[in-house]
Amino acid sequence: MSTAELACTYAALILEDDGISVTAEKIAALVNAGGLTVESYWPSLFAKLCEKRNIEDLIMNIGSGGGGGAPVAVTAPAGGVTAASAAVAAPAAEEKKEEPKEESDDESLFNLFD
């Protein structure tokens, strides 16, 4: 993301957080107050986006994506084991996964030209 995009994004977020209507002029004023200069089309692009979309909804739904996997049903075996004992036995059956050893940046630089 460019500096102009970030500046306009932060300006729009500031205006929305303060309850001020988001316009191109107000975005440009905040960007200029921050000591940055951006092309004149950036504030107007962000203002048009803010007119069409609710910024708060965009922020709240940023992490929402596809759904999770299907729930796994735990069934009791025919031997009469209760659900509580089956739930206790389930974590014991899980295997610990070993994490791969990460190389440090120093080691990877030496192998770069080999």
PDB file of N, CA and C in Angstrom:
ATOM      1  N   MET A   1       0.846  -1.168   0.000  1.00  0.00           N
ATOM      2  CA  MET A   1       0.000   0.000   0.000  1.00  0.00           C
ATOM      3  C   MET A   1       0.893   1.233   0.000  1.00  0.00           C
ATOM      4  N   SER A   2       0.550   2.209  -0.786  1.00  0.00           N
ATOM      5  CA  SER A   2       1.364   3.411  -0.875  1.00  0.00           C
ATOM      6  C   SER A   2       1.108   4.337   0.318  1.00  0.00           C
ATOM      7  N   THR A   3       1.985   5.294   0.466  1.00  0.00           N
ATOM      8  CA  THR A   3       1.842   6.261   1.548  1.00  0.00           C
ATOM      9  C   THR A   3       0.553   7.063   1.397  1.00  0.00           C
ATOM     10  N   ALA A   4       0.201   7.393   0.159  1.00  0.00           N
ATOM     11  CA  ALA A   4      -1.023   8.163  -0.081  1.00  0.00           C
ATOM     12  C   ALA A   4      -2.260   7.368   0.340  1.00  0.00           C
ATOM     13  N   GLU A   5      -2.276   6.075   0.013  1.00  0.00           N
ATOM     14  CA  GLU A   5      -3.408   5.235   0.397  1.00  0.00           C
ATOM     15  C   GLU A   5      -3.522   5.117   1.910  1.00  0.00           C
ATOM     16  N   LEU A   6      -2.394   4.903   2.563  1.00  0.00           N
ATOM     17  CA  LEU A   6      -2.414   4.789   4.024  1.00  0.00           C
ATOM     18  C   LEU A   6      -2.861   6.094   4.678  1.00  0.00           C
ATOM     19  N   ALA A   7      -2.356   7.211   4.169  1.00  0.00           N
ATOM     20  CA  ALA A   7      -2.724   8.494   4.749  1.00  0.00           C
ATOM     21  C   ALA A   7      -4.227   8.738   4.619  1.00  0.00           C
ATOM     22  N   CYS A   8      -4.784   8.446   3.452  1.00  0.00           N
ATOM     23  CA  CYS A   8      -6.219   8.653   3.253  1.00  0.00           C
ATOM     24  C   CYS A   8      -7.041   7.657   4.071  1.00  0.00           C
ATOM     25  N   THR A   9      -6.546   6.443   4.214  1.00  0.00           N
ATOM     26  CA  THR A   9      -7.235   5.449   5.033  1.00  0.00           C
ATOM     27  C   THR A   9      -7.315   5.903   6.480  1.00  0.00           C
ATOM     28  N   TYR A  10      -6.178   6.328   7.019  1.00  0.00           N
ATOM     29  CA  TYR A  10      -6.159   6.784   8.405  1.00  0.00           C
ATOM     30  C   TYR A  10      -7.017   8.032   8.591  1.00  0.00           C
ATOM     31  N   ALA A  11      -6.981   8.934   7.622  1.00  0.00           N
ATOM     32  CA  ALA A  11      -7.795  10.136   7.716  1.00  0.00           C
ATOM     33  C   ALA A  11      -9.284   9.792   7.730  1.00  0.00           C
ATOM     34  N   ALA A  12      -9.688   8.850   6.859  1.00  0.00           N
ATOM     35  CA  ALA A  12     -11.097   8.430   6.830  1.00  0.00           C
ATOM     36  C   ALA A  12     -11.486   7.759   8.148  1.00  0.00           C
ATOM     37  N   LEU A  13     -10.598   6.953   8.702  1.00  0.00           N
ATOM     38  CA  LEU A  13     -10.885   6.299   9.986  1.00  0.00           C
ATOM     39  C   LEU A  13     -11.007   7.323  11.116  1.00  0.00           C
ATOM     40  N   ILE A  14     -10.152   8.326  11.097  1.00  0.00           N
ATOM     41  CA  ILE A  14     -10.219   9.374  12.126  1.00  0.00           C
ATOM     42  C   ILE A  14     -11.544  10.114  12.041  1.00  0.00           C
ATOM     43  N   LEU A  15     -11.918  10.486  10.822  1.00  0.00           N
ATOM     44  CA  LEU A  15     -13.173  11.216  10.652  1.00  0.00           C
ATOM     45  C   LEU A  15     -14.368  10.365  11.093  1.00  0.00           C
ATOM     46  N   GLU A  16     -14.371   9.107  10.716  1.00  0.00           N
ATOM     47  CA  GLU A  16     -15.479   8.207  11.091  1.00  0.00           C
ATOM     48  C   GLU A  16     -15.525   8.012  12.597  1.00  0.00           C
ATOM     49  N   ASP A  17     -14.372   7.881  13.216  1.00  0.00           N
ATOM     50  CA  ASP A  17     -14.316   7.665  14.661  1.00  0.00           C
ATOM     51  C   ASP A  17     -14.825   8.880  15.425  1.00  0.00           C
ATOM     52  N   ASP A  18     -14.579  10.058  14.890  1.00  0.00           N
ATOM     53  CA  ASP A  18     -15.056  11.281  15.544  1.00  0.00           C
ATOM     54  C   ASP A  18     -16.492  11.626  15.189  1.00  0.00           C
ATOM     55  N   GLY A  19     -17.111  10.841  14.318  1.00  0.00           N
ATOM     56  CA  GLY A  19     -18.491  11.093  13.943  1.00  0.00           C
ATOM     57  C   GLY A  19     -18.658  12.227  12.948  1.00  0.00           C
ATOM     58  N   ILE A  20     -17.595  12.550  12.242  1.00  0.00           N
ATOM     59  CA  ILE A  20     -17.618  13.624  11.257  1.00  0.00           C
ATOM     60  C   ILE A  20     -17.856  12.994   9.886  1.00  0.00           C
ATOM     61  N   SER A  21     -18.659  13.656   9.062  1.00  0.00           N
ATOM     62  CA  SER A  21     -18.908  13.119   7.724  1.00  0.00           C
ATOM     63  C   SER A  21     -17.602  13.089   6.936  1.00  0.00           C
ATOM     64  N   VAL A  22     -17.400  12.015   6.216  1.00  0.00           N
ATOM     65  CA  VAL A  22     -16.158  11.810   5.476  1.00  0.00           C
ATOM     66  C   VAL A  22     -16.319  12.413   4.078  1.00  0.00           C
ATOM     67  N   THR A  23     -15.588  13.479   3.819  1.00  0.00           N
ATOM     68  CA  THR A  23     -15.602  14.118   2.511  1.00  0.00           C
ATOM     69  C   THR A  23     -14.168  14.232   2.006  1.00  0.00           C
ATOM     70  N   ALA A  24     -14.032  14.469   0.713  1.00  0.00           N
ATOM     71  CA  ALA A  24     -12.702  14.587   0.116  1.00  0.00           C
ATOM     72  C   ALA A  24     -11.938  15.768   0.705  1.00  0.00           C
ATOM     73  N   GLU A  25     -12.647  16.854   0.957  1.00  0.00           N
ATOM     74  CA  GLU A  25     -11.987  18.044   1.505  1.00  0.00           C
ATOM     75  C   GLU A  25     -11.459  17.783   2.915  1.00  0.00           C
ATOM     76  N   LYS A  26     -12.238  17.083   3.724  1.00  0.00           N
ATOM     77  CA  LYS A  26     -11.813  16.814   5.103  1.00  0.00           C
ATOM     78  C   LYS A  26     -10.670  15.800   5.134  1.00  0.00           C
ATOM     79  N   ILE A  27     -10.710  14.834   4.242  1.00  0.00           N
ATOM     80  CA  ILE A  27      -9.592  13.869   4.154  1.00  0.00           C
ATOM     81  C   ILE A  27      -8.324  14.602   3.742  1.00  0.00           C
ATOM     82  N   ALA A  28      -8.430  15.455   2.720  1.00  0.00           N
ATOM     83  CA  ALA A  28      -7.269  16.215   2.254  1.00  0.00           C
ATOM     84  C   ALA A  28      -6.734  17.133   3.351  1.00  0.00           C
ATOM     85  N   ALA A  29      -7.631  17.731   4.127  1.00  0.00           N
ATOM     86  CA  ALA A  29      -7.201  18.620   5.210  1.00  0.00           C
ATOM     87  C   ALA A  29      -6.436  17.847   6.282  1.00  0.00           C
ATOM     88  N   LEU A  30      -6.916  16.672   6.635  1.00  0.00           N
ATOM     89  CA  LEU A  30      -6.211  15.864   7.631  1.00  0.00           C
ATOM     90  C   LEU A  30      -4.859  15.388   7.117  1.00  0.00           C
ATOM     91  N   VAL A  31      -4.810  14.983   5.866  1.00  0.00           N
ATOM     92  CA  VAL A  31      -3.541  14.535   5.279  1.00  0.00           C
ATOM     93  C   VAL A  31      -2.537  15.680   5.259  1.00  0.00           C
ATOM     94  N   ASN A  32      -2.990  16.860   4.846  1.00  0.00           N
ATOM     95  CA  ASN A  32      -2.104  18.029   4.825  1.00  0.00           C
ATOM     96  C   ASN A  32      -1.676  18.432   6.228  1.00  0.00           C
ATOM     97  N   ALA A  33      -2.565  18.298   7.204  1.00  0.00           N
ATOM     98  CA  ALA A  33      -2.217  18.614   8.595  1.00  0.00           C
ATOM     99  C   ALA A  33      -1.154  17.657   9.123  1.00  0.00           C
ATOM    100  N   GLY A  34      -1.130  16.457   8.562  1.00  0.00           N
ATOM    101  CA  GLY A  34      -0.112  15.486   8.954  1.00  0.00           C
ATOM    102  C   GLY A  34       1.222  15.706   8.264  1.00  0.00           C
ATOM    103  N   GLY A  35       1.286  16.704   7.392  1.00  0.00           N
ATOM    104  CA  GLY A  35       2.544  17.015   6.724  1.00  0.00           C
ATOM    105  C   GLY A  35       2.796  16.180   5.486  1.00  0.00           C
ATOM    106  N   LEU A  36       1.772  15.543   4.953  1.00  0.00           N
ATOM    107  CA  LEU A  36       1.929  14.718   3.762  1.00  0.00           C
ATOM    108  C   LEU A  36       1.248  15.380   2.577  1.00  0.00           C
ATOM    109  N   THR A  37       1.731  15.049   1.403  1.00  0.00           N
ATOM    110  CA  THR A  37       1.070  15.500   0.183  1.00  0.00           C
ATOM    111  C   THR A  37       0.695  14.269  -0.622  1.00  0.00           C
ATOM    112  N   VAL A  38      -0.523  14.264  -1.103  1.00  0.00           N
ATOM    113  CA  VAL A  38      -1.013  13.153  -1.918  1.00  0.00           C
ATOM    114  C   VAL A  38      -1.634  13.717  -3.185  1.00  0.00           C
ATOM    115  N   GLU A  39      -1.739  12.878  -4.192  1.00  0.00           N
ATOM    116  CA  GLU A  39      -2.391  13.300  -5.417  1.00  0.00           C
ATOM    117  C   GLU A  39      -3.850  13.627  -5.105  1.00  0.00           C
ATOM    118  N   SER A  40      -4.409  14.521  -5.885  1.00  0.00           N
ATOM    119  CA  SER A  40      -5.754  15.022  -5.570  1.00  0.00           C
ATOM    120  C   SER A  40      -6.851  13.978  -5.731  1.00  0.00           C
ATOM    121  N   TYR A  41      -6.602  12.914  -6.465  1.00  0.00           N
ATOM    122  CA  TYR A  41      -7.647  11.909  -6.673  1.00  0.00           C
ATOM    123  C   TYR A  41      -7.805  10.961  -5.485  1.00  0.00           C
ATOM    124  N   TRP A  42      -6.787  10.808  -4.637  1.00  0.00           N
ATOM    125  CA  TRP A  42      -6.891   9.865  -3.517  1.00  0.00           C
ATOM    126  C   TRP A  42      -7.996  10.242  -2.531  1.00  0.00           C
ATOM    127  N   PRO A  43      -8.049  11.488  -2.036  1.00  0.00           N
ATOM    128  CA  PRO A  43      -9.125  11.816  -1.093  1.00  0.00           C
ATOM    129  C   PRO A  43     -10.514  11.639  -1.691  1.00  0.00           C
ATOM    130  N   SER A  44     -10.679  11.970  -2.965  1.00  0.00           N
ATOM    131  CA  SER A  44     -12.005  11.810  -3.570  1.00  0.00           C
ATOM    132  C   SER A  44     -12.378  10.346  -3.730  1.00  0.00           C
ATOM    133  N   LEU A  45     -11.406   9.485  -4.028  1.00  0.00           N
ATOM    134  CA  LEU A  45     -11.688   8.044  -4.112  1.00  0.00           C
ATOM    135  C   LEU A  45     -12.147   7.489  -2.764  1.00  0.00           C
ATOM    136  N   PHE A  46     -11.450   7.880  -1.706  1.00  0.00           N
ATOM    137  CA  PHE A  46     -11.820   7.389  -0.385  1.00  0.00           C
ATOM    138  C   PHE A  46     -13.153   7.967   0.079  1.00  0.00           C
ATOM    139  N   ALA A  47     -13.426   9.207  -0.293  1.00  0.00           N
ATOM    140  CA  ALA A  47     -14.711   9.811   0.074  1.00  0.00           C
ATOM    141  C   ALA A  47     -15.858   9.092  -0.629  1.00  0.00           C
ATOM    142  N   LYS A  48     -15.670   8.723  -1.900  1.00  0.00           N
ATOM    143  CA  LYS A  48     -16.708   7.984  -2.627  1.00  0.00           C
ATOM    144  C   LYS A  48     -16.926   6.610  -2.019  1.00  0.00           C
ATOM    145  N   LEU A  49     -15.845   5.966  -1.603  1.00  0.00           N
ATOM    146  CA  LEU A  49     -15.966   4.663  -0.945  1.00  0.00           C
ATOM    147  C   LEU A  49     -16.760   4.791   0.350  1.00  0.00           C
ATOM    148  N   CYS A  50     -16.471   5.826   1.110  1.00  0.00           N
ATOM    149  CA  CYS A  50     -17.150   6.015   2.392  1.00  0.00           C
ATOM    150  C   CYS A  50     -18.615   6.378   2.224  1.00  0.00           C
ATOM    151  N   GLU A  51     -18.967   6.975   1.087  1.00  0.00           N
ATOM    152  CA  GLU A  51     -20.378   7.268   0.814  1.00  0.00           C
ATOM    153  C   GLU A  51     -21.161   5.993   0.556  1.00  0.00           C
ATOM    154  N   LYS A  52     -20.529   5.049  -0.134  1.00  0.00           N
ATOM    155  CA  LYS A  52     -21.224   3.825  -0.543  1.00  0.00           C
ATOM    156  C   LYS A  52     -21.188   2.735   0.515  1.00  0.00           C
ATOM    157  N   ARG A  53     -20.177   2.728   1.353  1.00  0.00           N
ATOM    158  CA  ARG A  53     -20.009   1.690   2.358  1.00  0.00           C
ATOM    159  C   ARG A  53     -19.950   2.285   3.750  1.00  0.00           C
ATOM    160  N   ASN A  54     -20.433   1.529   4.719  1.00  0.00           N
ATOM    161  CA  ASN A  54     -20.325   1.940   6.111  1.00  0.00           C
ATOM    162  C   ASN A  54     -18.954   1.498   6.616  1.00  0.00           C
ATOM    163  N   ILE A  55     -18.142   2.437   7.030  1.00  0.00           N
ATOM    164  CA  ILE A  55     -16.774   2.129   7.447  1.00  0.00           C
ATOM    165  C   ILE A  55     -16.768   1.198   8.649  1.00  0.00           C
ATOM    166  N   GLU A  56     -17.678   1.402   9.572  1.00  0.00           N
ATOM    167  CA  GLU A  56     -17.732   0.550  10.759  1.00  0.00           C
ATOM    168  C   GLU A  56     -18.002  -0.902  10.378  1.00  0.00           C
ATOM    169  N   ASP A  57     -18.870  -1.122   9.393  1.00  0.00           N
ATOM    170  CA  ASP A  57     -19.119  -2.487   8.928  1.00  0.00           C
ATOM    171  C   ASP A  57     -17.883  -3.088   8.279  1.00  0.00           C
ATOM    172  N   LEU A  58     -17.130  -2.285   7.531  1.00  0.00           N
ATOM    173  CA  LEU A  58     -15.905  -2.773   6.916  1.00  0.00           C
ATOM    174  C   LEU A  58     -14.890  -3.208   7.974  1.00  0.00           C
ATOM    175  N   ILE A  59     -14.801  -2.431   9.042  1.00  0.00           N
ATOM    176  CA  ILE A  59     -13.852  -2.753  10.108  1.00  0.00           C
ATOM    177  C   ILE A  59     -14.285  -4.009  10.861  1.00  0.00           C
ATOM    178  N   MET A  60     -15.557  -4.108  11.158  1.00  0.00           N
ATOM    179  CA  MET A  60     -16.050  -5.239  11.942  1.00  0.00           C
ATOM    180  C   MET A  60     -16.009  -6.546  11.156  1.00  0.00           C
ATOM    181  N   ASN A  61     -16.081  -6.501   9.839  1.00  0.00           N
ATOM    182  CA  ASN A  61     -16.110  -7.711   9.029  1.00  0.00           C
ATOM    183  C   ASN A  61     -14.788  -8.033   8.372  1.00  0.00           C
ATOM    184  N   ILE A  62     -13.709  -7.421   8.826  1.00  0.00           N
ATOM    185  CA  ILE A  62     -12.428  -7.623   8.176  1.00  0.00           C
ATOM    186  C   ILE A  62     -11.921  -9.050   8.341  1.00  0.00           C
ATOM    187  N   GLY A  63     -12.219  -9.682   9.448  1.00  0.00           N
ATOM    188  CA  GLY A  63     -11.729 -11.026   9.682  1.00  0.00           C
ATOM    189  C   GLY A  63     -12.711 -12.109   9.290  1.00  0.00           C
ATOM    190  N   SER A  64     -13.895 -11.714   8.894  1.00  0.00           N
ATOM    191  CA  SER A  64     -14.865 -12.740   8.558  1.00  0.00           C
ATOM    192  C   SER A  64     -14.590 -13.245   7.157  1.00  0.00           C
ATOM    193  N   GLY A  65     -14.503 -14.517   7.064  1.00  0.00           N
ATOM    194  CA  GLY A  65     -14.252 -15.132   5.770  1.00  0.00           C
ATOM    195  C   GLY A  65     -15.179 -16.306   5.634  1.00  0.00           C
ATOM    196  N   GLY A  66     -14.660 -17.357   5.098  1.00  0.00           N
ATOM    197  CA  GLY A  66     -15.443 -18.572   4.959  1.00  0.00           C
ATOM    198  C   GLY A  66     -15.724 -19.189   6.312  1.00  0.00           C
ATOM    199  N   GLY A  67     -16.663 -20.071   6.346  1.00  0.00           N
ATOM    200  CA  GLY A  67     -17.014 -20.738   7.588  1.00  0.00           C
ATOM    201  C   GLY A  67     -15.974 -21.762   7.979  1.00  0.00           C
ATOM    202  N   GLY A  68     -16.086 -22.223   9.188  1.00  0.00           N
ATOM    203  CA  GLY A  68     -15.178 -23.250   9.672  1.00  0.00           C
ATOM    204  C   GLY A  68     -15.591 -24.613   9.156  1.00  0.00           C
ATOM    205  N   GLY A  69     -14.891 -25.601   9.564  1.00  0.00           N
ATOM    206  CA  GLY A  69     -15.203 -26.962   9.147  1.00  0.00           C
ATOM    207  C   GLY A  69     -16.465 -27.461   9.823  1.00  0.00           C
ATOM    208  N   ALA A  70     -16.942 -28.590   9.364  1.00  0.00           N
ATOM    209  CA  ALA A  70     -18.139 -29.186   9.945  1.00  0.00           C
ATOM    210  C   ALA A  70     -17.826 -29.691  11.347  1.00  0.00           C
ATOM    211  N   PRO A  71     -18.770 -29.595  12.271  1.00  0.00           N
ATOM    212  CA  PRO A  71     -18.519 -30.083  13.622  1.00  0.00           C
ATOM    213  C   PRO A  71     -18.343 -31.596  13.616  1.00  0.00           C
ATOM    214  N   VAL A  72     -17.478 -32.061  14.484  1.00  0.00           N
ATOM    215  CA  VAL A  72     -17.204 -33.485  14.590  1.00  0.00           C
ATOM    216  C   VAL A  72     -18.079 -34.063  15.695  1.00  0.00           C
ATOM    217  N   ALA A  73     -18.816 -35.090  15.382  1.00  0.00           N
ATOM    218  CA  ALA A  73     -19.688 -35.721  16.371  1.00  0.00           C
ATOM    219  C   ALA A  73     -18.915 -36.810  17.099  1.00  0.00           C
ATOM    220  N   VAL A  74     -19.044 -36.822  18.415  1.00  0.00           N
ATOM    221  CA  VAL A  74     -18.420 -37.854  19.226  1.00  0.00           C
ATOM    222  C   VAL A  74     -19.501 -38.876  19.562  1.00  0.00           C
ATOM    223  N   THR A  75     -19.277 -40.103  19.166  1.00  0.00           N
ATOM    224  CA  THR A  75     -20.257 -41.149  19.466  1.00  0.00           C
ATOM    225  C   THR A  75     -19.662 -42.107  20.471  1.00  0.00           C
ATOM    226  N   ALA A  76     -20.507 -42.593  21.338  1.00  0.00           N
ATOM    227  CA  ALA A  76     -20.062 -43.544  22.351  1.00  0.00           C
ATOM    228  C   ALA A  76     -19.986 -44.943  21.744  1.00  0.00           C
ATOM    229  N   PRO A  77     -18.936 -45.708  22.058  1.00  0.00           N
ATOM    230  CA  PRO A  77     -18.856 -47.073  21.563  1.00  0.00           C
ATOM    231  C   PRO A  77     -19.942 -47.947  22.191  1.00  0.00           C
ATOM    232  N   ALA A  78     -20.148 -49.104  21.618  1.00  0.00           N
ATOM    233  CA  ALA A  78     -21.214 -49.996  22.074  1.00  0.00           C
ATOM    234  C   ALA A  78     -20.959 -50.537  23.470  1.00  0.00           C
ATOM    235  N   GLY A  79     -19.766 -50.415  23.992  1.00  0.00           N
ATOM    236  CA  GLY A  79     -19.439 -50.965  25.294  1.00  0.00           C
ATOM    237  C   GLY A  79     -20.030 -50.182  26.448  1.00  0.00           C
ATOM    238  N   GLY A  80     -20.788 -49.143  26.216  1.00  0.00           N
ATOM    239  CA  GLY A  80     -21.452 -48.405  27.280  1.00  0.00           C
ATOM    240  C   GLY A  80     -20.612 -47.282  27.853  1.00  0.00           C
ATOM    241  N   VAL A  81     -19.648 -46.767  27.129  1.00  0.00           N
ATOM    242  CA  VAL A  81     -18.822 -45.671  27.607  1.00  0.00           C
ATOM    243  C   VAL A  81     -19.645 -44.387  27.525  1.00  0.00           C
ATOM    244  N   THR A  82     -19.601 -43.601  28.563  1.00  0.00           N
ATOM    245  CA  THR A  82     -20.383 -42.367  28.575  1.00  0.00           C
ATOM    246  C   THR A  82     -19.704 -41.301  27.723  1.00  0.00           C
ATOM    247  N   ALA A  83     -20.444 -40.258  27.407  1.00  0.00           N
ATOM    248  CA  ALA A  83     -19.910 -39.177  26.583  1.00  0.00           C
ATOM    249  C   ALA A  83     -18.788 -38.447  27.310  1.00  0.00           C
ATOM    250  N   ALA A  84     -18.888 -38.340  28.632  1.00  0.00           N
ATOM    251  CA  ALA A  84     -17.850 -37.642  29.395  1.00  0.00           C
ATOM    252  C   ALA A  84     -16.530 -38.397  29.324  1.00  0.00           C
ATOM    253  N   SER A  85     -16.561 -39.701  29.459  1.00  0.00           N
ATOM    254  CA  SER A  85     -15.309 -40.454  29.395  1.00  0.00           C
ATOM    255  C   SER A  85     -14.773 -40.496  27.976  1.00  0.00           C
ATOM    256  N   ALA A  86     -15.649 -40.447  26.968  1.00  0.00           N
ATOM    257  CA  ALA A  86     -15.193 -40.403  25.580  1.00  0.00           C
ATOM    258  C   ALA A  86     -14.520 -39.070  25.299  1.00  0.00           C
ATOM    259  N   ALA A  87     -15.034 -37.987  25.899  1.00  0.00           N
ATOM    260  CA  ALA A  87     -14.435 -36.674  25.709  1.00  0.00           C
ATOM    261  C   ALA A  87     -13.080 -36.588  26.388  1.00  0.00           C
ATOM    262  N   VAL A  88     -12.914 -37.284  27.526  1.00  0.00           N
ATOM    263  CA  VAL A  88     -11.630 -37.294  28.221  1.00  0.00           C
ATOM    264  C   VAL A  88     -10.621 -38.103  27.424  1.00  0.00           C
ATOM    265  N   ALA A  89     -11.055 -39.179  26.791  1.00  0.00           N
ATOM    266  CA  ALA A  89     -10.147 -40.027  26.033  1.00  0.00           C
ATOM    267  C   ALA A  89      -9.735 -39.374  24.718  1.00  0.00           C
ATOM    268  N   ALA A  90     -10.546 -38.499  24.168  1.00  0.00           N
ATOM    269  CA  ALA A  90     -10.255 -37.897  22.869  1.00  0.00           C
ATOM    270  C   ALA A  90      -8.976 -37.059  22.881  1.00  0.00           C
ATOM    271  N   PRO A  91      -8.725 -36.192  23.889  1.00  0.00           N
ATOM    272  CA  PRO A  91      -7.485 -35.425  23.850  1.00  0.00           C
ATOM    273  C   PRO A  91      -6.247 -36.298  23.981  1.00  0.00           C
ATOM    274  N   ALA A  92      -6.341 -37.413  24.658  1.00  0.00           N
ATOM    275  CA  ALA A  92      -5.189 -38.286  24.804  1.00  0.00           C
ATOM    276  C   ALA A  92      -4.801 -38.901  23.471  1.00  0.00           C
ATOM    277  N   ALA A  93      -5.757 -39.070  22.581  1.00  0.00           N
ATOM    278  CA  ALA A  93      -5.479 -39.684  21.299  1.00  0.00           C
ATOM    279  C   ALA A  93      -4.800 -38.722  20.326  1.00  0.00           C
ATOM    280  N   GLU A  94      -4.900 -37.415  20.586  1.00  0.00           N
ATOM    281  CA  GLU A  94      -4.280 -36.452  19.697  1.00  0.00           C
ATOM    282  C   GLU A  94      -2.769 -36.528  19.808  1.00  0.00           C
ATOM    283  N   GLU A  95      -2.099 -36.426  18.679  1.00  0.00           N
ATOM    284  CA  GLU A  95      -0.646 -36.451  18.670  1.00  0.00           C
ATOM    285  C   GLU A  95      -0.117 -35.026  18.643  1.00  0.00           C
ATOM    286  N   LYS A  96       0.990 -34.849  19.292  1.00  0.00           N
ATOM    287  CA  LYS A  96       1.611 -33.533  19.248  1.00  0.00           C
ATOM    288  C   LYS A  96       2.375 -33.402  17.942  1.00  0.00           C
ATOM    289  N   LYS A  97       2.134 -32.305  17.267  1.00  0.00           N
ATOM    290  CA  LYS A  97       2.827 -32.050  16.018  1.00  0.00           C
ATOM    291  C   LYS A  97       4.093 -31.262  16.323  1.00  0.00           C
ATOM    292  N   GLU A  98       5.203 -31.722  15.776  1.00  0.00           N
ATOM    293  CA  GLU A  98       6.449 -31.019  15.984  1.00  0.00           C
ATOM    294  C   GLU A  98       6.541 -29.864  15.004  1.00  0.00           C
ATOM    295  N   GLU A  99       6.942 -28.731  15.523  1.00  0.00           N
ATOM    296  CA  GLU A  99       7.100 -27.564  14.677  1.00  0.00           C
ATOM    297  C   GLU A  99       8.456 -27.638  13.997  1.00  0.00           C
ATOM    298  N   PRO A 100       8.508 -27.307  12.718  1.00  0.00           N
ATOM    299  CA  PRO A 100       9.802 -27.342  12.032  1.00  0.00           C
ATOM    300  C   PRO A 100      10.720 -26.267  12.584  1.00  0.00           C
ATOM    301  N   LYS A 101      11.991 -26.604  12.639  1.00  0.00           N
ATOM    302  CA  LYS A 101      12.971 -25.663  13.149  1.00  0.00           C
ATOM    303  C   LYS A 101      13.161 -24.549  12.134  1.00  0.00           C
ATOM    304  N   GLU A 102      13.029 -23.321  12.612  1.00  0.00           N
ATOM    305  CA  GLU A 102      13.189 -22.179  11.732  1.00  0.00           C
ATOM    306  C   GLU A 102      14.648 -21.763  11.690  1.00  0.00           C
ATOM    307  N   GLU A 103      15.123 -21.440  10.497  1.00  0.00           N
ATOM    308  CA  GLU A 103      16.484 -20.963  10.372  1.00  0.00           C
ATOM    309  C   GLU A 103      16.519 -19.472  10.671  1.00  0.00           C
ATOM    310  N   SER A 104      17.569 -19.040  11.271  1.00  0.00           N
ATOM    311  CA  SER A 104      17.699 -17.615  11.524  1.00  0.00           C
ATOM    312  C   SER A 104      18.061 -16.913  10.220  1.00  0.00           C
ATOM    313  N   ASP A 105      17.909 -15.631  10.199  1.00  0.00           N
ATOM    314  CA  ASP A 105      18.228 -14.863   8.997  1.00  0.00           C
ATOM    315  C   ASP A 105      19.706 -14.970   8.629  1.00  0.00           C
ATOM    316  N   ASP A 106      20.565 -15.055   9.644  1.00  0.00           N
ATOM    317  CA  ASP A 106      22.000 -15.136   9.383  1.00  0.00           C
ATOM    318  C   ASP A 106      22.339 -16.421   8.633  1.00  0.00           C
ATOM    319  N   GLU A 107      21.740 -17.542   9.032  1.00  0.00           N
ATOM    320  CA  GLU A 107      22.044 -18.822   8.396  1.00  0.00           C
ATOM    321  C   GLU A 107      21.532 -18.864   6.968  1.00  0.00           C
ATOM    322  N   SER A 108      20.384 -18.259   6.705  1.00  0.00           N
ATOM    323  CA  SER A 108      19.818 -18.311   5.363  1.00  0.00           C
ATOM    324  C   SER A 108      20.617 -17.448   4.384  1.00  0.00           C
ATOM    325  N   LEU A 109      21.278 -16.399   4.862  1.00  0.00           N
ATOM    326  CA  LEU A 109      22.064 -15.553   3.974  1.00  0.00           C
ATOM    327  C   LEU A 109      23.295 -16.283   3.451  1.00  0.00           C
ATOM    328  N   PHE A 110      23.879 -17.142   4.284  1.00  0.00           N
ATOM    329  CA  PHE A 110      25.054 -17.857   3.848  1.00  0.00           C
ATOM    330  C   PHE A 110      24.733 -18.913   2.798  1.00  0.00           C
ATOM    331  N   ASN A 111      23.530 -19.459   2.822  1.00  0.00           N
ATOM    332  CA  ASN A 111      23.145 -20.474   1.852  1.00  0.00           C
ATOM    333  C   ASN A 111      22.586 -19.873   0.568  1.00  0.00           C
ATOM    334  N   LEU A 112      22.475 -18.585   0.509  1.00  0.00           N
ATOM    335  CA  LEU A 112      21.846 -17.932  -0.620  1.00  0.00           C
ATOM    336  C   LEU A 112      22.651 -18.102  -1.905  1.00  0.00           C
ATOM    337  N   PHE A 113      23.971 -18.040  -1.821  1.00  0.00           N
ATOM    338  CA  PHE A 113      24.802 -18.082  -3.018  1.00  0.00           C
ATOM    339  C   PHE A 113      25.576 -19.387  -3.169  1.00  0.00           C
ATOM    340  N   ASP A 114      25.234 -20.397  -2.412  1.00  0.00           N
ATOM    341  CA  ASP A 114      25.934 -21.695  -2.518  1.00  0.00           C
ATOM    342  C   ASP A 114      25.471 -22.484  -3.693  1.00  0.00           C
TER     343      ASP A 114
END
